[in-house]
Protein backbone atom coordinates (compact mmCIF):
# COMPACT_ATOMS: atom_id res chain seq x y z
CA MET A 1 195.42 188.20 128.02
CA ARG A 2 194.72 191.81 128.95
CA LEU A 3 196.00 194.64 126.75
CA ASP A 4 196.02 198.21 128.04
CA THR A 5 198.11 201.35 128.02
CA SER A 6 199.76 203.10 130.92
CA GLN A 7 201.76 206.25 131.53
CA HIS A 8 204.81 206.52 133.75
CA MET A 9 207.76 208.86 134.33
CA ARG A 10 211.40 207.89 134.06
CA GLN A 11 214.44 209.97 134.93
CA GLU A 12 217.65 209.39 132.99
CA MET A 13 220.75 211.24 131.88
CA ARG A 14 221.70 211.26 128.20
CA MET A 15 224.43 213.11 126.38
CA LYS A 16 224.37 213.88 122.68
CA LEU A 17 227.15 215.63 120.82
CA ALA A 18 226.14 218.73 118.89
CA PRO A 19 227.25 218.87 115.23
CA ARG A 20 229.64 221.67 116.10
CA MET A 21 231.44 219.54 118.69
CA ILE A 22 231.59 216.58 116.33
CA GLN A 23 233.17 218.74 113.64
CA SER A 24 235.69 220.12 116.12
CA MET A 25 236.81 216.61 117.12
CA GLU A 26 237.09 215.55 113.48
CA ILE A 27 239.23 218.58 112.61
CA LEU A 28 241.47 217.98 115.62
CA GLN A 29 242.19 214.42 114.55
CA LEU A 30 243.21 215.30 110.96
CA PRO A 31 246.92 215.47 110.02
CA VAL A 32 248.08 218.51 108.14
CA MET A 33 247.63 217.16 104.58
CA ALA A 34 244.18 215.75 105.35
CA LEU A 35 243.25 219.10 106.90
CA GLN A 36 244.28 220.87 103.72
CA GLU A 37 242.08 218.54 101.66
CA ARG A 38 239.16 219.10 104.04
CA ILE A 39 239.53 222.88 103.76
CA ASN A 40 239.69 222.74 99.97
CA GLN A 41 236.53 220.67 99.96
CA GLU A 42 234.77 223.19 102.21
CA LEU A 43 235.91 226.04 99.97
CA GLU A 44 234.25 224.33 97.01
CA GLU A 45 231.01 223.56 98.84
CA ASN A 46 230.54 226.77 100.84
CA PRO A 47 230.56 229.97 98.73
CA THR A 48 230.61 232.21 101.84
CA LEU A 49 233.98 230.74 102.83
CA VAL A 50 236.97 232.29 101.07
CA GLU A 51 240.72 232.02 101.35
CA ARG A 52 242.35 235.09 102.85
CA GLU A 53 245.35 236.13 100.79
CA SER A 54 246.63 238.59 103.36
CA ASP A 55 245.57 240.37 106.50
CA GLY A 56 244.72 243.44 104.46
CA ASP A 57 242.36 241.67 102.05
CA ASP A 58 239.38 243.98 101.67
CA GLN A 59 237.20 241.33 100.04
CA THR A 60 236.54 239.48 103.27
CA GLU A 61 235.43 240.27 106.76
CA GLN A 62 234.05 238.57 109.81
CA PRO A 63 230.26 238.72 110.19
CA ALA A 64 229.13 241.74 112.15
CA GLU A 65 226.41 241.69 114.77
CA ALA A 66 222.86 241.74 113.51
CA ALA A 67 221.18 245.13 113.39
CA GLU A 68 218.55 245.98 115.94
CA GLY A 69 215.18 244.62 114.93
CA ASP A 70 216.62 241.93 112.68
CA GLU A 71 215.60 238.35 113.21
CA PRO A 72 218.26 236.43 115.16
CA THR A 73 220.73 234.79 112.82
CA ILE A 74 221.37 231.08 113.03
CA GLU A 75 224.71 231.59 114.74
CA GLN A 76 222.93 233.57 117.47
CA ARG A 77 220.32 230.89 118.13
CA GLU A 78 220.76 228.21 120.73
CA LEU A 79 222.19 225.02 119.24
CA VAL A 80 219.63 222.26 119.70
CA VAL A 81 219.74 218.68 118.46
CA ASP A 82 216.37 217.04 117.88
CA GLU A 83 216.72 213.82 119.87
CA ARG A 84 214.04 212.01 117.88
CA HIS A 85 214.55 213.16 114.31
CA ASP A 86 218.21 214.31 114.28
CA ASN A 87 217.28 217.44 112.28
CA GLU A 88 216.49 215.44 109.14
CA GLU A 89 213.99 218.01 107.89
CA ASP A 90 216.44 220.86 108.43
CA PHE A 91 219.16 219.12 106.47
CA GLU A 92 216.76 218.24 103.64
CA ARG A 93 215.59 221.84 103.49
CA LEU A 94 219.19 223.06 103.47
CA SER A 95 220.00 220.70 100.60
CA ALA A 96 216.99 221.95 98.66
CA LEU A 97 218.00 225.58 99.21
CA ASP A 98 221.49 224.79 98.01
CA ASP A 99 220.09 223.33 94.78
CA ASP A 100 217.62 226.18 94.27
CA TRP A 101 220.20 228.95 94.60
CA SER A 102 223.27 227.23 93.15
CA ASP A 103 222.86 228.92 89.75
CA HIS A 104 222.49 232.33 91.38
CA PHE A 105 225.67 232.01 93.40
CA ARG A 106 227.58 230.37 90.58
CA ALA A 107 226.95 233.41 88.43
CA SER A 108 228.57 235.66 91.03
CA HIS A 109 231.65 233.44 91.23
CA ARG A 110 232.72 233.35 87.60
CA VAL A 111 236.42 232.74 87.22
CA SER A 112 238.37 235.33 85.27
CA ARG A 113 240.35 234.45 82.14
CA GLY A 114 243.61 235.04 83.99
CA GLU A 115 242.60 232.71 86.81
CA MET A 116 241.60 230.06 84.26
CA ASP A 117 245.01 230.35 82.58
CA ASP A 118 246.77 230.03 85.93
CA GLN A 119 244.74 226.95 86.81
CA GLY A 120 245.51 225.40 83.45
CA GLU A 121 249.23 226.03 83.85
CA ARG A 122 249.22 224.46 87.32
CA LYS A 123 247.44 221.37 86.01
CA HIS A 124 249.85 221.15 83.09
CA ASP A 125 252.86 221.40 85.43
CA ALA A 126 251.37 218.72 87.66
CA MET A 127 250.91 216.39 84.68
CA GLN A 128 254.49 217.05 83.52
CA ASN A 129 255.83 216.14 86.97
CA MET A 130 253.81 212.95 87.35
CA ALA A 131 255.98 209.84 87.51
CA ALA A 132 255.58 207.41 84.66
CA ARG A 133 253.88 204.13 85.45
CA PRO A 134 256.61 201.71 86.54
CA GLU A 135 257.03 198.42 84.69
CA THR A 136 255.11 195.69 86.47
CA LEU A 137 256.16 192.10 86.92
CA GLN A 138 253.50 191.04 84.43
CA ASP A 139 254.81 193.53 81.84
CA TYR A 140 258.36 192.24 82.25
CA LEU A 141 257.37 188.58 81.97
CA TYR A 142 255.04 189.09 79.03
CA HIS A 143 257.80 190.92 77.15
CA GLN A 144 260.12 187.90 77.62
CA LEU A 145 257.38 185.47 76.64
CA GLY A 146 257.30 186.93 73.15
CA PHE A 147 260.84 185.65 72.45
CA LEU A 148 260.07 182.01 73.27
CA ASP A 149 258.96 179.45 70.68
CA CYS A 150 255.73 177.69 71.62
CA SER A 151 252.29 176.97 70.23
CA ASP A 152 249.56 179.56 70.34
CA GLU A 153 247.67 177.57 72.97
CA ILE A 154 250.69 177.31 75.29
CA HIS A 155 251.47 180.99 74.73
CA GLU A 156 247.94 182.01 75.73
CA LEU A 157 248.01 179.68 78.73
CA ALA A 158 251.39 181.09 79.83
CA GLN A 159 250.04 184.60 79.46
CA PHE A 160 247.02 183.64 81.55
CA ILE A 161 249.33 182.26 84.25
CA ILE A 162 251.48 185.40 84.20
CA TYR A 163 248.51 187.65 84.88
CA ASN A 164 247.40 185.41 87.75
CA LEU A 165 250.69 185.67 89.68
CA ASP A 166 250.55 187.52 92.98
CA LYS A 167 252.75 190.51 93.84
CA ASP A 168 255.56 188.19 95.03
CA GLY A 169 255.58 186.21 91.77
CA PHE A 170 253.84 183.10 93.14
CA LEU A 171 251.04 181.14 91.49
CA LYS A 172 248.50 180.44 94.22
CA ALA A 173 246.04 178.61 91.99
CA SER A 174 246.38 174.90 91.24
CA LEU A 175 246.90 173.63 87.70
CA GLU A 176 243.36 172.23 87.74
CA ASP A 177 242.03 175.71 88.53
CA VAL A 178 244.17 177.26 85.80
CA ALA A 179 242.88 174.82 83.18
CA ARG A 180 239.26 175.27 84.31
CA ASP A 181 239.36 179.07 84.47
CA PHE A 182 241.18 179.39 81.15
CA GLY A 183 238.53 177.31 79.38
CA ASN A 184 238.73 176.51 75.68
CA GLY A 185 239.18 172.84 76.54
CA ALA A 186 242.60 173.36 78.15
CA SER A 187 243.98 170.31 79.96
CA VAL A 188 246.00 170.07 83.15
CA GLU A 189 248.94 168.75 81.10
CA LYS A 190 248.88 171.83 78.87
CA ALA A 191 248.69 174.08 81.96
CA ALA A 192 251.72 172.31 83.44
CA GLU A 193 253.65 172.81 80.19
CA ALA A 194 252.78 176.52 80.18
CA LEU A 195 253.83 176.86 83.83
CA LYS A 196 257.23 175.33 83.09
CA LEU A 197 257.62 177.91 80.36
CA VAL A 198 256.84 180.74 82.78
CA GLN A 199 259.26 179.33 85.37
CA LYS A 200 262.10 179.66 82.84
CA LEU A 201 261.65 183.44 82.72
CA ASP A 202 263.52 186.05 84.69
CA PRO A 203 263.57 186.69 87.67
CA PRO A 204 264.49 183.15 88.77
CA GLY A 205 261.88 181.56 90.99
CA VAL A 206 258.90 183.26 89.41
CA GLY A 207 255.85 181.07 88.87
CA ALA A 208 256.57 178.90 91.91
CA ARG A 209 253.67 177.57 93.93
CA ASP A 210 255.39 177.64 97.32
CA LEU A 211 258.64 178.77 98.94
CA ARG A 212 260.36 175.41 98.53
CA GLU A 213 259.74 175.34 94.78
CA CYS A 214 260.74 179.00 94.50
CA LEU A 215 264.16 178.36 96.07
CA LEU A 216 264.76 175.17 94.09
CA LEU A 217 264.08 177.00 90.80
CA GLN A 218 266.90 179.41 91.63
CA ILE A 219 269.57 176.73 92.08
CA ASN A 220 271.84 176.00 89.12
CA HIS A 221 274.78 173.65 88.72
CA ASP A 222 277.32 176.48 88.75
CA MET A 223 276.50 177.37 92.34
CA PRO A 224 278.88 176.13 95.04
CA HIS A 225 277.33 173.49 97.30
CA ALA A 226 274.45 173.11 94.82
CA ASP A 227 273.81 169.46 95.71
CA VAL A 228 273.80 170.11 99.45
CA LEU A 229 271.62 173.18 98.99
CA ARG A 230 269.13 171.30 96.82
CA GLY A 231 268.94 168.44 99.31
CA ILE A 232 268.29 170.51 102.42
CA ILE A 233 265.75 172.77 100.67
CA ALA A 234 263.82 169.84 99.21
CA ASN A 235 263.61 167.80 102.39
CA HIS A 236 264.71 169.81 105.43
CA LEU A 237 263.61 173.40 104.90
CA GLU A 238 261.60 173.44 108.16
CA ASP A 239 264.54 172.02 110.14
CA ILE A 240 266.81 174.68 108.69
CA GLY A 241 264.29 177.36 109.66
CA HIS A 242 264.37 176.17 113.29
CA ASN A 243 268.18 175.81 113.32
CA ARG A 244 268.03 172.04 113.84
CA LEU A 245 271.35 171.41 112.12
CA PRO A 246 272.23 168.18 114.00
CA VAL A 247 268.94 166.68 112.78
CA VAL A 248 269.77 167.63 109.18
CA GLN A 249 273.28 166.23 109.60
CA LYS A 250 271.96 162.92 110.89
CA ARG A 251 269.39 162.48 108.14
CA THR A 252 271.46 163.64 105.18
CA GLY A 253 275.00 162.62 106.07
CA PHE A 254 276.30 166.09 105.27
CA SER A 255 278.74 167.63 107.74
CA ILE A 256 277.83 170.65 109.83
CA GLU A 257 280.36 172.69 107.85
CA GLN A 258 278.71 171.72 104.54
CA ILE A 259 275.26 172.56 105.87
CA LYS A 260 276.40 175.94 107.20
CA ALA A 261 278.07 176.75 103.88
CA ALA A 262 274.88 175.83 102.02
CA MET A 263 272.87 178.00 104.39
CA GLU A 264 275.14 180.95 103.61
CA GLN A 265 274.52 180.30 99.93
CA MET A 266 270.77 180.13 100.61
CA LYS A 267 270.85 183.71 101.91
CA GLU A 268 271.59 184.87 98.36
CA LEU A 269 268.36 183.34 97.03
CA GLN A 270 265.25 185.49 96.68
CA PRO A 271 262.19 184.22 98.59
CA ARG A 272 260.00 186.85 96.87
CA PRO A 273 261.15 187.10 93.25
CA GLY A 274 258.39 189.50 92.25
CA ALA A 275 258.95 191.98 95.07
CA THR A 276 261.36 194.05 92.97
CA TYR A 277 258.50 194.98 90.65
CA SER A 278 256.04 195.89 93.37
CA SER A 279 254.17 199.09 92.55
CA GLU A 280 253.37 199.91 96.15
CA ALA A 281 254.13 203.56 96.82
CA VAL A 282 256.43 204.46 99.68
CA PRO A 283 254.47 206.64 102.09
CA TYR A 284 255.76 210.20 102.42
CA VAL A 285 255.62 211.71 105.88
CA LEU A 286 255.01 215.43 106.24
CA PRO A 287 255.58 216.53 109.87
CA ASP A 288 252.77 218.39 111.58
CA LEU A 289 255.18 219.90 114.12
CA ILE A 290 258.80 221.05 114.01
CA ILE A 291 261.02 221.21 117.09
CA GLU A 292 264.43 222.89 117.07
CA GLN A 293 266.68 223.62 120.02
CA ASP A 294 267.13 227.31 120.81
CA ASP A 295 270.15 229.06 122.31
CA GLU A 296 268.95 228.38 125.84
CA GLY A 297 268.69 224.62 125.30
CA ASN A 298 264.90 224.55 125.17
CA TYR A 299 262.77 222.99 122.45
CA PRO A 300 260.00 225.36 121.29
CA VAL A 301 257.25 223.72 119.26
CA ARG A 302 256.14 225.14 115.92
CA LEU A 303 253.03 223.96 114.11
CA VAL A 304 253.46 223.39 110.38
CA ASP A 305 250.57 225.30 108.86
CA GLU A 306 252.12 226.82 105.75
CA TYR A 307 250.03 224.44 103.66
CA VAL A 308 246.77 225.27 105.44
CA PRO A 309 244.80 228.08 103.77
CA HIS A 310 243.81 230.99 106.00
CA LEU A 311 240.05 231.34 105.88
CA ASN A 312 237.59 234.14 106.26
CA ILE A 313 233.95 234.91 105.46
CA SER A 314 233.07 236.75 102.27
CA ARG A 315 232.03 240.40 102.74
CA LYS A 316 229.74 240.16 99.73
CA TYR A 317 227.56 237.49 101.29
CA HIS A 318 227.51 239.31 104.58
CA GLN A 319 226.24 242.44 102.80
CA MET A 320 223.55 240.35 101.11
CA LEU A 321 222.56 239.05 104.52
CA ARG A 322 222.10 242.61 105.88
CA ASP A 323 220.29 243.78 102.75
CA ARG A 324 216.53 243.98 103.51
CA SER A 325 215.71 243.38 99.84
CA THR A 326 217.26 239.92 99.93
CA PRO A 327 214.52 237.26 100.00
CA ALA A 328 213.97 235.58 103.36
CA GLU A 329 214.82 232.12 102.05
CA THR A 330 218.07 233.42 100.57
CA ARG A 331 218.98 235.10 103.87
CA GLU A 332 218.34 231.87 105.74
CA TRP A 333 220.52 229.95 103.28
CA ILE A 334 223.32 232.50 103.68
CA GLN A 335 222.99 232.38 107.46
CA ARG A 336 223.44 228.63 107.45
CA LYS A 337 226.48 228.82 105.19
CA ILE A 338 228.05 231.57 107.27
CA GLN A 339 227.45 229.57 110.43
CA ALA A 340 229.13 226.53 108.88
CA ALA A 341 232.06 228.69 107.78
CA ARG A 342 232.44 230.19 111.25
CA TRP A 343 232.35 226.74 112.88
CA LEU A 344 235.08 225.53 110.53
CA ILE A 345 237.31 228.54 111.21
CA GLU A 346 236.88 228.18 114.97
CA SER A 347 237.55 224.41 114.78
CA ILE A 348 240.80 225.02 112.90
CA GLU A 349 241.94 227.60 115.45
CA GLN A 350 241.01 225.27 118.29
CA ARG A 351 242.94 222.46 116.61
CA ARG A 352 246.01 224.65 116.38
CA SER A 353 245.82 225.69 120.02
CA THR A 354 245.17 222.16 121.33
CA ILE A 355 247.93 220.48 119.32
CA LEU A 356 250.47 223.11 120.38
CA LYS A 357 249.57 222.76 124.06
CA VAL A 358 249.63 218.97 123.97
CA ALA A 359 252.89 218.78 121.99
CA THR A 360 254.59 221.33 124.22
CA ALA A 361 253.65 219.34 127.32
CA ILE A 362 254.96 216.13 125.73
CA ILE A 363 258.28 217.67 124.74
CA GLU A 364 258.77 219.22 128.17
CA HIS A 365 258.32 215.78 129.73
CA GLN A 366 260.64 214.08 127.21
CA LYS A 367 263.40 216.71 127.14
CA ALA A 368 265.98 214.09 128.21
CA PHE A 369 265.09 212.06 125.13
CA LEU A 370 265.92 215.01 122.85
CA ASP A 371 269.05 215.91 124.81
CA ASN A 372 270.63 212.47 125.17
CA GLY A 373 268.88 209.97 122.88
CA PRO A 374 266.18 207.27 122.85
CA GLU A 375 267.66 205.42 125.82
CA PHE A 376 266.59 208.32 128.04
CA ILE A 377 262.90 208.28 127.15
CA GLN A 378 260.63 208.55 130.17
CA PRO A 379 257.40 206.65 130.90
CA LEU A 380 254.43 208.78 129.94
CA LYS A 381 250.68 208.23 129.85
CA MET A 382 248.12 210.29 127.97
CA GLN A 383 246.26 210.96 131.20
CA GLU A 384 249.31 212.82 132.55
CA ILE A 385 249.31 215.16 129.55
CA ALA A 386 245.53 215.57 129.81
CA ASP A 387 245.86 216.64 133.44
CA ARG A 388 248.68 219.02 132.61
CA VAL A 389 246.86 220.87 129.80
CA HIS A 390 243.42 220.51 131.44
CA VAL A 391 241.64 218.58 128.69
CA HIS A 392 240.02 215.16 128.48
CA VAL A 393 242.27 212.21 127.72
CA THR A 394 240.33 211.52 124.50
CA THR A 395 241.26 215.02 123.33
CA VAL A 396 244.94 214.17 123.83
CA SER A 397 244.43 210.92 121.93
CA ARG A 398 242.89 212.76 118.96
CA ALA A 399 245.53 215.49 119.07
CA VAL A 400 248.42 213.02 118.73
CA ASP A 401 246.71 210.56 116.41
CA ASP A 402 248.50 210.31 113.05
CA LYS A 403 250.61 213.40 113.85
CA TRP A 404 254.35 213.48 113.18
CA VAL A 405 257.00 215.69 114.75
CA GLN A 406 260.37 216.64 113.31
CA THR A 407 263.05 216.80 116.01
CA PRO A 408 266.86 217.03 116.08
CA ARG A 409 266.77 213.26 116.72
CA GLY A 410 264.68 212.51 113.64
CA ILE A 411 261.02 212.40 112.64
CA PHE A 412 258.74 210.48 114.99
CA PRO A 413 255.00 209.98 115.45
CA LEU A 414 253.77 211.86 118.50
CA LYS A 415 252.56 208.57 119.96
CA ARG A 416 256.21 207.52 120.07
CA PHE A 417 256.66 209.56 123.24
CA PHE A 418 253.98 207.66 125.16
CA GLY A 419 254.56 204.37 126.90
CA GLY A 420 254.44 202.57 130.20
CA GLY A 421 257.34 201.57 132.36
CA THR A 422 258.55 199.65 135.38
CA VAL A 423 260.37 200.41 138.61
CA THR A 424 263.97 199.29 139.02
CA ALA A 425 265.44 197.82 142.18
CA SER A 426 266.66 201.30 143.14
CA GLY A 427 263.13 202.69 142.87
CA THR A 428 263.68 204.55 139.61
CA GLU A 429 260.89 204.40 137.03
CA VAL A 430 262.10 203.48 133.54
CA ALA A 431 260.26 203.10 130.25
CA TRP A 432 259.67 199.72 128.67
CA GLU A 433 261.67 200.89 125.68
CA ILE A 434 264.78 201.08 127.85
CA VAL A 435 264.07 197.56 129.08
CA GLN A 436 263.96 196.39 125.46
CA GLN A 437 267.29 198.07 124.78
CA LYS A 438 268.85 196.31 127.78
CA LEU A 439 267.36 193.03 126.56
CA GLN A 440 268.96 193.55 123.16
CA GLU A 441 272.32 194.32 124.80
CA VAL A 442 272.20 191.12 126.86
CA ILE A 443 271.51 189.01 123.76
CA ASP A 444 274.16 190.80 121.70
CA HIS A 445 276.85 189.92 124.27
CA GLU A 446 275.82 186.31 124.91
CA ASP A 447 277.90 183.27 123.93
CA LYS A 448 276.32 182.21 120.63
CA SER A 449 277.52 178.63 121.08
CA SER A 450 275.45 178.51 124.28
CA PRO A 451 272.80 181.23 124.06
CA LEU A 452 270.87 182.42 127.07
CA SER A 453 267.40 181.09 127.79
CA ASP A 454 264.63 183.46 128.80
CA ASP A 455 265.22 182.53 132.45
CA ASP A 456 268.90 183.37 132.07
CA ILE A 457 267.99 186.73 130.50
CA VAL A 458 265.74 187.46 133.49
CA LYS A 459 268.69 186.87 135.81
CA LYS A 460 271.00 189.06 133.71
CA LEU A 461 268.48 191.92 133.72
CA GLY A 462 267.99 191.46 137.46
CA GLU A 463 271.72 191.97 137.97
CA GLN A 464 271.35 195.35 136.26
CA GLY A 465 268.47 196.33 138.54
CA PHE A 466 265.55 195.44 136.24
CA ASP A 467 263.09 193.16 138.01
CA ILE A 468 261.27 191.66 135.00
CA ALA A 469 259.09 188.55 134.82
CA ARG A 470 259.98 185.76 132.43
CA ARG A 471 256.77 186.13 130.44
CA THR A 472 257.63 189.80 129.91
CA VAL A 473 261.05 188.87 128.53
CA THR A 474 259.43 186.34 126.19
CA LYS A 475 256.83 188.89 125.09
CA TYR A 476 259.37 191.58 124.21
CA ARG A 477 261.80 189.08 122.64
CA LYS A 478 259.08 188.01 120.22
CA LYS A 479 258.02 191.61 119.66
CA MET A 480 261.60 192.45 118.70
CA SER A 481 261.73 189.40 116.35
CA ILE A 482 264.54 187.80 118.37
CA PRO A 483 264.60 184.00 117.92
CA SER A 484 264.59 181.58 120.83
CA SER A 485 267.83 180.34 122.38
CA ARG A 486 267.73 177.15 120.28
CA GLU A 487 267.33 179.11 117.07
CA ARG A 488 270.12 181.54 118.04
CA LYS A 489 272.64 178.78 118.66
CA GLN A 490 275.63 178.71 116.35
CA PHE A 491 277.21 175.34 115.62
């Protein structure tokens, strides 16, 4: 085998994103609260970046042009990305400079006693307003367990079971697993005894190992139709779920009226007994945009930026940069920090401009939605907005991602206004959301004793001018959690 070397030329096109462009895209995609956190982080890490209290703040200024004869600053140099090394040495050197001069810059940023007092008061107020930890399911059950008479071993086993329940109050582990994991020579019989103790606690149904057992634990003799309810849950829960009442009637001997009455009683049972004690926080939505109708009937868009600090570059560091007595390494470090600060400020301004342009174009297209309601929403694709505001479609995607808008019709995600559509028999283009609304109307007005099949729904929609395929009807019916015709039938 012959081994040799050769040299050849190859022409190719490659595109690499500069760090500045990457940062701009990241800033654009952030919602308002995440942007505030990002800015606060940058304020802590970059001493040349300061928050502007007002337009007349004399402590800050934008960097002036370099004096004649000065070396070009970093922001004046051409931005180049090393394709082979990705600027690793530059970033390591920057990190080292940051460490070397951190003490020097920290000394010039000492916080005054008044500022320290203000910060302490804000932290104290925040602690006072923090919600107390809610009582968990485990706390509630353990408190009840203390009032029951049992041996120490059963008590410890019951406590072990309580702290192994999931958020819905179910025990997913088998009794063999409970005995093995508890140790101390615990037997399966002792684990079963402890589980029965837990299942006597409130809320009813807690400690069950599946849905059937959970529902059965909640049935007591005082309930009406208790025997019928216990029979259909124990043996025909799946048939009840699929609305196969004649099958249940045939196998149990209960009448349809008795089964329907028991099913009504079943609706009062709790399939997730531990859900009441769930500690999951309800997400709070802060709109990024606010839209209000003006006197002329238009909907101007306003960006919510009251929570976003206004930034500027410190005059002190800019003076140090122009001072010839400042060491060269210090000047280079300041130049890098100033460049990073300027990039951040420009990215925030670009984010503001892009989001406003994109949102304004969306609202102009969906004005009928705001005027008349959701049934008048129009089909809209991101490419249409991109063409209208002269940006790439990925820019539109990032601008609307995780952004919320407050309108006279309610608060919606910006993505809510995008969607495909179809053409009616009259040639009018309508959004799929309108088709779903018409589908819901057809099902709401059907004869429940003989519900419409998907083919029948296709015919009904066709009579209204919507030429929809059967698979599309099935797709949207399932998406809207509408049962099949057999499951919708009322006996």
